[in-house]
Amino acid sequence: MNKSQLITPRTLKGFRDYPPEVMIPRERLIDTVRRVYRSYGFSPIDTPALEYLEILAGKGGDETDKQLYKFQDHGRRWVALRFDLTVPLARFAAQHINRLGMPLKRYHIAAVWRGENTQRGRYREFMQCDFDTIGTRSNAADVETVLVIHDLFREIGFSEFTIRINNRMVLAGLLERLELSDRSTAVLRTLDKLAKIGHERVAEEMVSTAGVTDQQAGQILQLAEISGANDDVLRQIEPLVSGSRTGAEGTAKLKELLDAVAAAGVQKKYVALDVSIARGLDYYTGTVFETFLDALPGIGSVCSGGRYDNLAELYTKQELPGVGASLGLDRLLAAMEELGMIEKISTPAPVFIPYFDKDRLHDYLKLAAAVRAAGIGVEVFPEPKRLGVQLKYADRRGFRVALIAGEDEFRNATCRVKDLQSAQQQDVPLETDAESVIAAVNGILG
């Protein structure tokens, strides 16, 4: 092949490769997510990346439909890549719930695709980590969703974050009073932009696209911009939705949720009522959640969700109400990197064995096997190069410990155990089972 035929290696805009130093912390974070979800009884499922277009279209709103990656397959069927994991869950539940039973508590960790404008921490292909409870309208399931989010962020290592909570029934109650229930979808989509575009532009857009009056837009924004302690917010909400059964029910559910979360031991600083939260997706009907990192609020919500009681109605006549949330894995990783919470390493194995005595490959492999048998990851260098070259490789990859043995060490039945971070080293006996070597390695790794 001549040079003119070479293809320039590159990735599509909004997509990226994941080298080891990115993938290793990513997989560790996924392990933490799985552990927390399972601790609450959520079980894993998976669904196809590709669905019939009719399954996905119209479920997230007009803007989401514009972002769908859709095409005709070889059978001339219209199909699309999933834009989230909740709509496929609704299809999955409608198809399998009679066999699985209710309530169905599932988690799903997988890639989704949206052809949207890229931004900090946001790509066109990204990983979501969802958990949902299907088959109950009980507010207890909404409470548990908050508890899972709280435990997840604490387990990841965050001590300063805020789970902002609202209930769409409160907003719906005000719209009832204003005789705008038939325009609720347009109003809520616009309101969801409040943090991004501000009061004046939201008011203008409500008037121009949702067909509300200036006075009505002002009353909606008055409700959305209520702030203060949770009890104060509740007191301010009540007169604005008085006379609306929907609004009163939403307010009562919020109070019940806050009381239950506090009873479960969650500190008040982690949960805040935010009446401006509407969530842009059309399928939410009740409680909605957005989670922000106090140190990086500008990166946006890193874990969002809510209650959706009607999502599966297009697939089945059976009632399948649900509630859940989704962790935006890649956005969270971008935030953690910015906050210095991610250790840059390129190897999952902490121990490195240089292979520099070309006649001792079997001995190196035996030593590695003994250390691995003790539950410690080991990499053996594949070629008998100079020790200095191999130790530079070990430093670059981020190994913690090197086990160094050459002709003299093997003759004396010893092994040099070197801490690659502090450069301290010690010679230890090299028994058949490498017990002393393993003890020294564990001493370094802690």
Protein backbone atom coordinates (compact mmCIF):
# COMPACT_ATOMS: atom_id res chain seq x y z
CA MET A 1 0.00 0.00 0.00
CA ASN A 2 1.43 3.40 -0.96
CA LYS A 3 1.19 6.47 1.27
CA SER A 4 -1.64 7.99 -0.75
CA GLN A 5 -3.84 5.01 0.21
CA LEU A 6 -3.30 5.38 3.97
CA ILE A 7 -6.43 6.25 5.96
CA THR A 8 -5.97 9.02 8.51
CA PRO A 9 -6.77 7.55 11.95
CA ARG A 10 -9.39 9.79 13.59
CA THR A 11 -12.62 9.66 15.59
CA LEU A 12 -15.99 11.26 14.85
CA LYS A 13 -16.87 14.52 16.59
CA GLY A 14 -18.55 13.78 19.92
CA PHE A 15 -16.97 10.31 20.16
CA ARG A 16 -13.70 9.33 21.77
CA ASP A 17 -11.28 6.53 22.50
CA TYR A 18 -10.64 5.35 26.04
CA PRO A 19 -6.95 4.60 26.75
CA PRO A 20 -6.04 2.56 29.85
CA GLU A 21 -5.52 5.60 32.11
CA VAL A 22 -9.15 6.57 31.39
CA MET A 23 -10.68 3.08 31.27
CA ILE A 24 -9.20 1.87 34.57
CA PRO A 25 -10.86 4.57 36.75
CA ARG A 26 -14.00 4.21 34.59
CA GLU A 27 -14.24 0.49 35.34
CA ARG A 28 -13.51 1.07 39.02
CA LEU A 29 -16.35 3.58 39.16
CA ILE A 30 -18.67 1.10 37.43
CA ASP A 31 -17.72 -1.52 40.05
CA THR A 32 -18.73 0.92 42.80
CA VAL A 33 -22.01 1.69 41.05
CA ARG A 34 -22.85 -2.01 40.72
CA ARG A 35 -22.05 -2.64 44.37
CA VAL A 36 -24.34 0.16 45.60
CA TYR A 37 -27.21 -0.78 43.27
CA ARG A 38 -27.02 -4.43 44.29
CA SER A 39 -26.97 -3.49 47.98
CA TYR A 40 -30.54 -2.22 47.51
CA GLY A 41 -31.68 -5.34 45.66
CA PHE A 42 -31.48 -4.08 42.06
CA SER A 43 -30.68 -6.79 39.49
CA PRO A 44 -28.85 -6.33 36.17
CA ILE A 45 -30.49 -6.47 32.73
CA ASP A 46 -29.36 -5.58 29.22
CA THR A 47 -31.24 -4.60 26.06
CA PRO A 48 -30.17 -4.14 22.41
CA ALA A 49 -28.40 -0.93 21.42
CA LEU A 50 -30.65 -0.84 18.35
CA GLU A 51 -34.46 -0.65 18.64
CA TYR A 52 -37.29 -0.23 16.17
CA LEU A 53 -37.66 3.51 15.58
CA GLU A 54 -41.28 3.47 16.77
CA ILE A 55 -40.11 2.22 20.19
CA LEU A 56 -37.93 5.31 20.73
CA ALA A 57 -39.48 8.10 18.67
CA GLY A 58 -41.72 10.58 20.50
CA LYS A 59 -40.82 9.32 23.99
CA GLY A 60 -38.37 12.03 25.01
CA GLY A 61 -39.82 15.05 23.22
CA ASP A 62 -39.19 16.86 19.95
CA GLU A 63 -35.62 17.83 20.86
CA THR A 64 -34.70 14.24 21.68
CA ASP A 65 -36.24 13.05 18.41
CA LYS A 66 -33.94 15.45 16.55
CA GLN A 67 -30.95 13.88 18.31
CA LEU A 68 -31.80 10.27 17.41
CA TYR A 69 -29.33 8.32 15.31
CA LYS A 70 -31.79 6.62 12.96
CA PHE A 71 -31.52 4.79 9.65
CA GLN A 72 -32.99 1.98 7.55
CA ASP A 73 -31.35 -1.40 8.09
CA HIS A 74 -30.72 -4.04 5.41
CA GLY A 75 -34.33 -5.19 5.74
CA ARG A 76 -35.49 -1.60 5.04
CA ARG A 77 -36.83 -1.31 8.59
CA TRP A 78 -36.48 2.03 10.36
CA VAL A 79 -34.34 1.57 13.45
CA ALA A 80 -32.54 3.86 15.90
CA LEU A 81 -29.82 3.75 18.54
CA ARG A 82 -31.22 4.13 22.05
CA PHE A 83 -30.95 7.70 23.41
CA ASP A 84 -31.39 6.60 27.02
CA LEU A 85 -32.01 3.39 28.99
CA THR A 86 -35.44 4.25 30.37
CA VAL A 87 -37.49 3.95 27.17
CA PRO A 88 -35.93 0.53 26.36
CA LEU A 89 -36.77 -0.44 29.95
CA ALA A 90 -40.44 0.42 29.35
CA ARG A 91 -40.43 -1.82 26.28
CA PHE A 92 -38.56 -4.55 28.18
CA ALA A 93 -40.99 -4.42 31.11
CA ALA A 94 -44.05 -4.57 28.85
CA GLN A 95 -42.55 -7.57 27.07
CA HIS A 96 -41.30 -9.56 30.08
CA ILE A 97 -43.09 -8.37 33.24
CA ASN A 98 -45.51 -11.32 33.41
CA ARG A 99 -42.56 -13.67 33.71
CA LEU A 100 -40.44 -11.46 36.00
CA GLY A 101 -43.20 -10.22 38.33
CA MET A 102 -43.54 -6.90 40.14
CA PRO A 103 -42.03 -4.88 41.58
CA LEU A 104 -39.14 -5.21 39.13
CA LYS A 105 -35.97 -3.61 40.45
CA ARG A 106 -33.35 -3.41 37.72
CA TYR A 107 -30.10 -1.68 36.97
CA HIS A 108 -28.61 -1.23 33.52
CA ILE A 109 -25.10 0.05 32.72
CA ALA A 110 -24.61 0.65 28.99
CA ALA A 111 -23.83 3.15 26.23
CA VAL A 112 -26.44 5.48 24.72
CA TRP A 113 -26.24 7.86 21.75
CA ARG A 114 -27.54 11.39 21.15
CA GLY A 115 -26.59 13.57 18.20
CA GLU A 116 -26.44 16.76 20.28
CA ASN A 117 -23.91 19.57 20.51
CA THR A 118 -20.89 18.47 22.51
CA GLN A 119 -19.89 20.28 25.69
CA ARG A 120 -17.66 19.83 28.72
CA GLY A 121 -18.13 16.30 30.03
CA ARG A 122 -20.78 15.54 27.40
CA TYR A 123 -20.30 13.36 24.33
CA ARG A 124 -22.56 11.93 21.63
CA GLU A 125 -21.79 8.43 22.86
CA PHE A 126 -21.81 8.12 26.62
CA MET A 127 -22.39 5.60 29.38
CA GLN A 128 -25.42 5.66 31.64
CA CYS A 129 -25.81 3.77 34.89
CA ASP A 130 -29.56 3.43 35.49
CA PHE A 131 -31.55 1.92 38.32
CA ASP A 132 -35.36 1.74 38.38
CA THR A 133 -38.26 0.24 40.29
CA ILE A 134 -41.19 -0.81 38.08
CA GLY A 135 -44.67 -1.76 39.26
CA THR A 136 -45.44 0.54 42.19
CA ARG A 137 -46.77 4.06 42.70
CA SER A 138 -45.65 4.08 46.34
CA ASN A 139 -43.70 7.13 47.44
CA ALA A 140 -41.42 4.70 49.29
CA ALA A 141 -39.84 3.82 45.95
CA ASP A 142 -39.15 7.52 45.31
CA VAL A 143 -37.60 7.77 48.77
CA GLU A 144 -35.38 4.77 48.06
CA THR A 145 -34.21 6.43 44.83
CA VAL A 146 -32.91 9.37 46.88
CA LEU A 147 -31.21 7.00 49.32
CA VAL A 148 -29.46 5.14 46.50
CA ILE A 149 -28.18 8.40 44.98
CA HIS A 150 -26.96 9.55 48.39
CA ASP A 151 -25.16 6.29 49.16
CA LEU A 152 -23.69 6.16 45.65
CA PHE A 153 -22.01 9.56 45.88
CA ARG A 154 -20.80 8.94 49.42
CA GLU A 155 -19.33 5.60 48.33
CA ILE A 156 -17.61 7.20 45.33
CA GLY A 157 -15.92 9.62 47.70
CA PHE A 158 -17.94 12.86 47.57
CA SER A 159 -18.79 14.68 50.78
CA GLU A 160 -20.20 17.84 49.18
CA PHE A 161 -23.08 17.31 46.76
CA THR A 162 -26.76 18.24 46.58
CA ILE A 163 -29.69 16.13 45.41
CA ARG A 164 -32.23 18.65 44.17
CA ILE A 165 -35.80 17.40 44.25
CA ASN A 166 -39.12 18.57 42.87
CA ASN A 167 -42.45 17.03 41.95
CA ARG A 168 -44.01 17.74 38.58
CA MET A 169 -47.42 17.54 40.23
CA VAL A 170 -46.63 20.84 41.98
CA LEU A 171 -45.95 22.52 38.65
CA ALA A 172 -48.99 20.79 37.13
CA GLY A 173 -51.11 22.13 39.98
CA LEU A 174 -50.12 25.70 39.22
CA LEU A 175 -50.79 25.16 35.52
CA GLU A 176 -54.25 23.85 36.43
CA ARG A 177 -54.95 27.04 38.36
CA LEU A 178 -53.75 29.10 35.39
CA GLU A 179 -55.83 26.97 32.97
CA LEU A 180 -52.66 25.95 31.12
CA SER A 181 -52.78 22.18 31.59
CA ASP A 182 -53.07 21.64 27.83
CA ARG A 183 -49.77 23.49 27.37
CA SER A 184 -47.86 21.83 30.19
CA THR A 185 -45.39 19.99 27.93
CA ALA A 186 -44.22 23.18 26.21
CA VAL A 187 -44.14 25.12 29.48
CA LEU A 188 -42.12 22.47 31.34
CA ARG A 189 -39.64 22.06 28.48
CA THR A 190 -39.02 25.79 28.55
CA LEU A 191 -38.82 25.93 32.34
CA ASP A 192 -36.17 23.21 32.26
CA LYS A 193 -33.86 25.76 30.58
CA LEU A 194 -34.06 28.25 33.48
CA ALA A 195 -30.58 27.54 34.85
CA LYS A 196 -29.05 27.73 31.36
CA ILE A 197 -30.68 30.81 29.80
CA GLY A 198 -32.09 32.77 32.75
CA HIS A 199 -35.39 34.31 33.86
CA GLU A 200 -35.99 36.80 31.04
CA ARG A 201 -35.29 34.44 28.14
CA VAL A 202 -37.41 31.68 29.72
CA ALA A 203 -40.29 34.12 30.15
CA GLU A 204 -39.95 35.26 26.52
CA GLU A 205 -39.85 31.67 25.27
CA MET A 206 -42.92 30.69 27.31
CA VAL A 207 -44.85 33.50 25.70
CA SER A 208 -43.59 32.85 22.16
CA THR A 209 -43.62 29.03 22.06
CA ALA A 210 -46.03 27.92 24.80
CA GLY A 211 -48.60 30.64 24.15
CA VAL A 212 -48.86 31.86 27.76
CA THR A 213 -49.39 35.50 28.74
CA ASP A 214 -46.71 37.64 30.36
CA GLN A 215 -48.66 37.49 33.64
CA GLN A 216 -48.93 33.68 33.51
CA ALA A 217 -45.23 33.34 32.74
CA GLY A 218 -44.49 35.57 35.72
CA GLN A 219 -46.55 33.38 38.07
CA ILE A 220 -44.88 30.18 36.79
CA LEU A 221 -41.44 31.69 37.33
CA GLN A 222 -42.48 33.00 40.76
CA LEU A 223 -43.11 29.38 41.77
CA ALA A 224 -39.96 28.08 40.08
CA GLU A 225 -37.71 30.65 41.75
CA ILE A 226 -38.79 29.97 45.32
CA SER A 227 -35.71 29.34 47.43
CA GLY A 228 -34.70 28.80 51.03
CA ALA A 229 -34.69 25.94 53.52
CA ASN A 230 -36.86 22.97 52.57
CA ASP A 231 -39.57 23.78 55.13
CA ASP A 232 -39.70 27.40 53.94
CA VAL A 233 -40.02 26.28 50.31
CA LEU A 234 -42.94 23.99 51.19
CA ARG A 235 -44.71 26.83 53.02
CA GLN A 236 -44.29 29.14 50.02
CA ILE A 237 -45.51 26.51 47.55
CA GLU A 238 -48.82 25.79 49.31
CA PRO A 239 -50.67 29.08 48.59
CA LEU A 240 -49.51 29.09 44.96
CA VAL A 241 -51.12 25.70 44.27
CA SER A 242 -54.09 26.01 46.63
CA GLY A 243 -57.32 24.82 45.06
CA SER A 244 -55.52 22.25 42.92
CA ARG A 245 -55.81 18.66 44.07
CA THR A 246 -52.80 17.74 41.89
CA GLY A 247 -50.66 20.50 43.38
CA ALA A 248 -51.66 19.60 46.94
CA GLU A 249 -50.81 15.93 46.33
CA GLY A 250 -47.41 16.85 44.88
CA THR A 251 -46.62 19.05 47.88
CA ALA A 252 -47.67 16.30 50.31
CA LYS A 253 -45.48 13.75 48.51
CA LEU A 254 -42.48 16.08 48.73
CA LYS A 255 -42.97 16.55 52.47
CA GLU A 256 -43.38 12.81 52.99
CA LEU A 257 -40.23 12.14 50.98
CA LEU A 258 -38.15 14.66 52.93
CA ASP A 259 -39.32 13.26 56.27
CA ALA A 260 -38.55 9.68 55.21
CA VAL A 261 -35.10 10.52 53.86
CA ALA A 262 -34.24 12.28 57.11
CA ALA A 263 -35.52 9.29 59.11
CA ALA A 264 -33.15 7.07 57.07
CA GLY A 265 -30.20 9.14 58.29
CA VAL A 266 -29.47 11.40 55.31
CA GLN A 267 -28.13 14.79 56.42
CA LYS A 268 -30.22 17.81 55.43
CA LYS A 269 -27.34 19.36 53.49
CA TYR A 270 -27.56 16.63 50.86
CA VAL A 271 -31.23 17.16 49.86
CA ALA A 272 -32.77 20.42 48.66
CA LEU A 273 -36.19 21.28 47.26
CA ASP A 274 -35.81 23.07 43.92
CA VAL A 275 -39.14 23.94 42.32
CA SER A 276 -37.41 25.01 39.09
CA ILE A 277 -36.48 21.42 38.22
CA ALA A 278 -38.85 20.08 35.58
CA ARG A 279 -36.59 17.66 33.64
CA GLY A 280 -36.71 18.07 29.87
CA LEU A 281 -37.97 14.59 28.99
CA ASP A 282 -41.72 14.38 28.50
CA TYR A 283 -42.34 11.11 30.30
CA TYR A 284 -41.84 12.30 33.91
CA THR A 285 -45.06 12.58 35.92
CA GLY A 286 -44.09 13.00 39.61
CA THR A 287 -40.91 13.29 41.64
CA VAL A 288 -37.85 14.48 39.71
CA PHE A 289 -34.22 14.47 40.79
CA GLU A 290 -31.02 16.23 39.75
CA THR A 291 -27.69 15.86 41.54
CA PHE A 292 -25.00 18.55 41.52
CA LEU A 293 -21.45 18.60 42.82
CA ASP A 294 -21.04 21.59 45.13
CA ALA A 295 -17.45 22.14 43.95
CA LEU A 296 -18.41 22.07 40.24
CA PRO A 297 -22.05 23.17 39.81
CA GLY A 298 -21.30 24.42 36.30
CA ILE A 299 -20.75 20.91 34.96
CA GLY A 300 -24.48 20.26 35.38
CA SER A 301 -26.42 17.40 36.89
CA VAL A 302 -24.42 14.19 37.20
CA CYS A 303 -27.31 11.97 38.34
CA SER A 304 -30.89 12.65 37.26
CA GLY A 305 -34.22 10.92 37.05
CA GLY A 306 -37.74 10.80 38.34
CA ARG A 307 -41.12 9.10 38.36
CA TYR A 308 -42.79 8.08 35.12
CA ASP A 309 -46.20 6.45 35.57
CA ASN A 310 -47.34 6.34 31.95
CA LEU A 311 -44.25 5.51 29.92
CA ALA A 312 -45.18 1.89 29.17
CA GLU A 313 -48.78 2.66 28.17
CA LEU A 314 -47.85 2.66 24.48
CA TYR A 315 -46.58 -0.93 24.76
CA THR A 316 -49.12 -2.56 27.07
CA LYS A 317 -52.53 -2.01 28.68
CA GLN A 318 -51.08 -3.19 31.98
CA GLU A 319 -50.18 -0.41 34.40
CA LEU A 320 -46.41 -0.24 34.85
CA PRO A 321 -45.58 2.84 36.92
CA GLY A 322 -41.91 3.38 37.62
CA VAL A 323 -39.28 5.56 39.25
CA GLY A 324 -35.53 5.67 38.89
CA ALA A 325 -32.42 7.66 38.15
CA SER A 326 -29.37 7.58 35.91
CA LEU A 327 -25.75 8.36 36.76
CA GLY A 328 -23.96 10.13 33.91
CA LEU A 329 -20.73 8.18 34.17
CA ASP A 330 -18.58 10.14 31.71
CA ARG A 331 -19.69 13.55 32.97
CA LEU A 332 -18.94 12.44 36.54
CA LEU A 333 -15.52 11.14 35.51
CA ALA A 334 -14.75 14.48 33.83
CA ALA A 335 -15.69 16.22 37.08
CA MET A 336 -13.61 13.84 39.19
CA GLU A 337 -10.61 14.40 36.94
CA GLU A 338 -11.03 18.18 37.25
CA LEU A 339 -11.23 17.82 41.04
CA GLY A 340 -8.08 15.67 41.17
CA MET A 341 -9.94 12.59 42.39
CA ILE A 342 -8.59 10.21 39.72
CA GLU A 343 -5.23 8.52 39.98
CA LYS A 344 -3.55 8.40 36.58
CA ILE A 345 -2.39 4.83 36.09
CA SER A 346 -2.20 2.68 32.97
CA THR A 347 -2.19 -0.76 34.56
CA PRO A 348 -4.70 -2.61 36.71
CA ALA A 349 -1.92 -4.78 38.17
CA PRO A 350 0.06 -3.18 41.03
CA VAL A 351 3.12 -5.47 40.79
CA PHE A 352 5.74 -5.53 38.04
CA ILE A 353 8.35 -8.24 37.48
CA PRO A 354 11.19 -7.24 35.15
CA TYR A 355 12.53 -10.04 32.95
CA PHE A 356 16.23 -9.31 32.55
CA ASP A 357 17.92 -12.70 33.11
CA LYS A 358 17.10 -14.40 29.80
CA ASP A 359 17.66 -17.88 31.25
CA ARG A 360 15.20 -17.42 34.13
CA LEU A 361 11.83 -16.97 32.38
CA HIS A 362 10.35 -20.02 34.16
CA ASP A 363 11.42 -18.65 37.56
CA TYR A 364 9.83 -15.26 36.82
CA LEU A 365 6.60 -16.95 35.78
CA LYS A 366 6.58 -19.12 38.93
CA LEU A 367 7.06 -16.03 41.11
CA ALA A 368 4.25 -14.20 39.30
CA ALA A 369 1.92 -17.17 39.68
CA ALA A 370 2.58 -17.36 43.44
CA VAL A 371 1.84 -13.65 43.91
CA ARG A 372 -1.31 -13.86 41.77
CA ALA A 373 -2.49 -16.83 43.83
CA ALA A 374 -2.45 -14.45 46.82
CA GLY A 375 -4.93 -12.19 44.97
CA ILE A 376 -2.42 -9.58 43.77
CA GLY A 377 -2.19 -8.61 40.08
CA VAL A 378 1.22 -9.05 38.43
CA GLU A 379 2.64 -8.18 35.02
CA VAL A 380 5.82 -9.83 33.74
CA PHE A 381 7.75 -7.90 31.09
CA PRO A 382 7.73 -9.94 27.84
CA GLU A 383 11.37 -9.43 26.73
CA PRO A 384 14.76 -9.77 28.47
CA LYS A 385 15.81 -6.11 28.18
CA ARG A 386 18.08 -4.05 30.43
CA LEU A 387 16.67 -3.51 33.93
CA GLY A 388 16.77 0.29 33.62
CA VAL A 389 14.63 0.21 30.48
CA GLN A 390 12.06 -2.00 32.16
CA LEU A 391 11.88 0.14 35.33
CA LYS A 392 11.25 3.24 33.20
CA TYR A 393 8.35 1.33 31.60
CA ALA A 394 7.07 0.44 35.09
CA ASP A 395 7.17 4.09 36.21
CA ARG A 396 5.34 5.23 33.08
CA ARG A 397 2.59 2.64 33.57
CA GLY A 398 2.10 3.45 37.25
CA PHE A 399 3.03 0.15 38.95
CA ARG A 400 3.35 0.33 42.73
CA VAL A 401 5.86 -2.46 43.35
CA ALA A 402 8.68 -4.11 41.40
CA LEU A 403 9.99 -7.61 42.25
CA ILE A 404 13.59 -7.68 41.04
CA ALA A 405 15.58 -10.90 40.80
CA GLY A 406 18.63 -11.56 38.67
CA GLU A 407 21.37 -14.19 38.69
CA ASP A 408 22.72 -13.16 42.13
CA GLU A 409 19.29 -13.04 43.77
CA PHE A 410 18.25 -16.43 42.42
CA ARG A 411 21.56 -17.94 43.56
CA ASN A 412 21.00 -16.54 47.08
CA ALA A 413 17.25 -17.35 47.05
CA THR A 414 16.30 -13.69 47.59
CA CYS A 415 14.15 -11.10 45.83
CA ARG A 416 14.45 -7.33 45.90
CA VAL A 417 11.05 -5.75 46.65
CA LYS A 418 11.03 -2.11 45.50
CA ASP A 419 8.39 0.51 46.31
CA LEU A 420 8.24 2.42 43.02
CA GLN A 421 6.67 5.50 44.64
CA SER A 422 9.17 6.00 47.46
CA ALA A 423 12.11 4.18 45.75
CA GLN A 424 12.72 2.29 49.01
CA GLN A 425 13.63 -1.37 48.61
CA GLN A 426 14.40 -4.43 50.68
CA ASP A 427 15.78 -7.92 50.06
CA VAL A 428 13.54 -10.72 51.29
CA PRO A 429 13.85 -14.54 51.19
CA LEU A 430 12.49 -16.13 48.03
CA GLU A 431 10.79 -19.30 49.23
CA THR A 432 9.00 -21.74 46.94
CA ASP A 433 5.62 -20.25 47.87
CA ALA A 434 7.01 -16.66 47.91
CA GLU A 435 5.37 -16.08 51.31
CA SER A 436 7.91 -13.44 52.43
CA VAL A 437 7.70 -11.64 49.08
CA ILE A 438 3.90 -11.52 49.28
CA ALA A 439 4.05 -10.16 52.86
CA ALA A 440 6.44 -7.41 51.73
CA VAL A 441 4.22 -6.50 48.78
CA ASN A 442 1.14 -6.31 51.00
CA GLY A 443 3.07 -4.07 53.38
CA ILE A 444 3.64 -1.58 50.54
CA LEU A 445 0.15 -1.81 49.08
CA GLY A 446 -1.43 -1.47 52.51
